Amino acid sequence: MIDECMAGRIDMVITKSISRFARNTLDTLKYVRQLKEKGVAIFFEKESVNTLDSKGEFLITLLGSLAQESGTTVR
């Protein structure tokens, strides 16, 4: 799906939660930044966070770290 986004075929990704998006905080931030550069938004339903919002990356960093620490990330 990331490849499809980078190719311009997808302009928004909607996912249930941050913990479902990537394995850890570093991966989450890497993909969020890559997609943001391409103008692709990611919306996390549970946290109600849109990555194209000015507060998005800070909240993702914080919530992703908490999810990683609690072991709720999907592998």
C-alpha atoms as a PDB file:
ATOM      1  CA  MET A   1       0.000   0.000   0.000  1.00  0.00           C
ATOM      2  CA  ILE A   2       2.890   2.356   0.717  1.00  0.00           C
ATOM      3  CA  ASP A   3       4.094   1.836  -2.871  1.00  0.00           C
ATOM      4  CA  GLU A   4       0.616   2.680  -4.162  1.00  0.00           C
ATOM      5  CA  CYS A   5       0.618   5.878  -2.081  1.00  0.00           C
ATOM      6  CA  MET A   6       4.063   6.864  -3.304  1.00  0.00           C
ATOM      7  CA  ALA A   7       2.931   6.309  -6.904  1.00  0.00           C
ATOM      8  CA  GLY A   8       0.047   8.735  -6.373  1.00  0.00           C
ATOM      9  CA  ARG A   9      -2.727   6.159  -6.615  1.00  0.00           C
ATOM     10  CA  ILE A  10      -3.885   6.586  -2.996  1.00  0.00           C
ATOM     11  CA  ASP A  11      -4.350   9.975  -1.326  1.00  0.00           C
ATOM     12  CA  MET A  12      -5.560   8.910   2.125  1.00  0.00           C
ATOM     13  CA  VAL A  13      -5.011   5.885   4.343  1.00  0.00           C
ATOM     14  CA  ILE A  14      -7.559   5.185   7.064  1.00  0.00           C
ATOM     15  CA  THR A  15      -6.494   2.796   9.794  1.00  0.00           C
ATOM     16  CA  LYS A  16      -8.092   1.637  13.027  1.00  0.00           C
ATOM     17  CA  SER A  17      -5.283   2.777  15.315  1.00  0.00           C
ATOM     18  CA  ILE A  18      -1.631   3.764  15.480  1.00  0.00           C
ATOM     19  CA  SER A  19      -0.724   0.361  16.906  1.00  0.00           C
ATOM     20  CA  ARG A  20      -2.145  -1.299  13.766  1.00  0.00           C
ATOM     21  CA  PHE A  21      -0.196   0.881  11.347  1.00  0.00           C
ATOM     22  CA  ALA A  22       3.441  -0.122  11.995  1.00  0.00           C
ATOM     23  CA  ARG A  23       5.596  -2.272  14.241  1.00  0.00           C
ATOM     24  CA  ASN A  24       7.177   0.515  16.239  1.00  0.00           C
ATOM     25  CA  THR A  25       7.367   4.275  16.663  1.00  0.00           C
ATOM     26  CA  LEU A  26      10.326   4.704  14.315  1.00  0.00           C
ATOM     27  CA  ASP A  27       8.578   2.847  11.483  1.00  0.00           C
ATOM     28  CA  THR A  28       5.390   4.800  12.105  1.00  0.00           C
ATOM     29  CA  LEU A  29       7.173   8.153  11.917  1.00  0.00           C
ATOM     30  CA  LYS A  30       9.195   7.097   8.864  1.00  0.00           C
ATOM     31  CA  TYR A  31       6.078   6.205   6.891  1.00  0.00           C
ATOM     32  CA  VAL A  32       4.071   9.171   8.151  1.00  0.00           C
ATOM     33  CA  ARG A  33       6.821  11.544   7.009  1.00  0.00           C
ATOM     34  CA  GLN A  34       7.276   9.829   3.634  1.00  0.00           C
ATOM     35  CA  LEU A  35       3.571   9.907   2.917  1.00  0.00           C
ATOM     36  CA  LYS A  36       3.152  13.455   4.192  1.00  0.00           C
ATOM     37  CA  GLU A  37       5.821  14.629   1.710  1.00  0.00           C
ATOM     38  CA  LYS A  38       3.693  13.103  -1.059  1.00  0.00           C
ATOM     39  CA  GLY A  39       0.535  14.772   0.287  1.00  0.00           C
ATOM     40  CA  VAL A  40      -0.965  11.493   1.487  1.00  0.00           C
ATOM     41  CA  ALA A  41      -2.925  11.765   4.723  1.00  0.00           C
ATOM     42  CA  ILE A  42      -3.185   8.994   7.288  1.00  0.00           C
ATOM     43  CA  PHE A  43      -6.203   9.025   9.572  1.00  0.00           C
ATOM     44  CA  PHE A  44      -6.107   6.973  12.765  1.00  0.00           C
ATOM     45  CA  GLU A  45      -9.727   6.343  13.794  1.00  0.00           C
ATOM     46  CA  LYS A  46      -9.249   5.359  17.440  1.00  0.00           C
ATOM     47  CA  GLU A  47      -7.019   8.345  18.226  1.00  0.00           C
ATOM     48  CA  SER A  48      -8.861  10.697  15.826  1.00  0.00           C
ATOM     49  CA  VAL A  49      -5.547  11.929  14.397  1.00  0.00           C
ATOM     50  CA  ASN A  50      -4.980  13.143  10.855  1.00  0.00           C
ATOM     51  CA  THR A  51      -1.305  13.326   9.854  1.00  0.00           C
ATOM     52  CA  LEU A  52      -1.844  16.387   7.685  1.00  0.00           C
ATOM     53  CA  ASP A  53      -3.059  18.276  10.755  1.00  0.00           C
ATOM     54  CA  SER A  54      -0.402  20.458  12.405  1.00  0.00           C
ATOM     55  CA  LYS A  55      -0.593  18.469  15.667  1.00  0.00           C
ATOM     56  CA  GLY A  56      -0.601  15.079  13.948  1.00  0.00           C
ATOM     57  CA  GLU A  57       3.077  14.121  14.083  1.00  0.00           C
ATOM     58  CA  PHE A  58       3.490  15.091  17.743  1.00  0.00           C
ATOM     59  CA  LEU A  59       0.439  13.058  18.753  1.00  0.00           C
ATOM     60  CA  ILE A  60       1.573  10.100  16.669  1.00  0.00           C
ATOM     61  CA  THR A  61       5.003  10.156  18.317  1.00  0.00           C
ATOM     62  CA  LEU A  62       3.474  10.277  21.771  1.00  0.00           C
ATOM     63  CA  LEU A  63       0.742   7.696  21.186  1.00  0.00           C
ATOM     64  CA  GLY A  64       3.023   5.400  19.179  1.00  0.00           C
ATOM     65  CA  SER A  65       5.552   5.384  22.001  1.00  0.00           C
ATOM     66  CA  LEU A  66       2.857   4.539  24.517  1.00  0.00           C
ATOM     67  CA  ALA A  67       1.529   1.714  22.348  1.00  0.00           C
ATOM     68  CA  GLN A  68       5.044   0.347  21.859  1.00  0.00           C
ATOM     69  CA  GLU A  69       5.747   0.426  25.603  1.00  0.00           C
ATOM     70  CA  SER A  70       2.500  -1.341  26.472  1.00  0.00           C
ATOM     71  CA  GLY A  71       3.207  -4.046  23.904  1.00  0.00           C
ATOM     72  CA  THR A  72       0.050  -3.478  21.903  1.00  0.00           C
ATOM     73  CA  THR A  73       1.821  -3.187  18.565  1.00  0.00           C
ATOM     74  CA  VAL A  74       1.124  -5.829  15.954  1.00  0.00           C
ATOM     75  CA  ARG A  75       4.033  -7.830  14.622  1.00  0.00           C
END
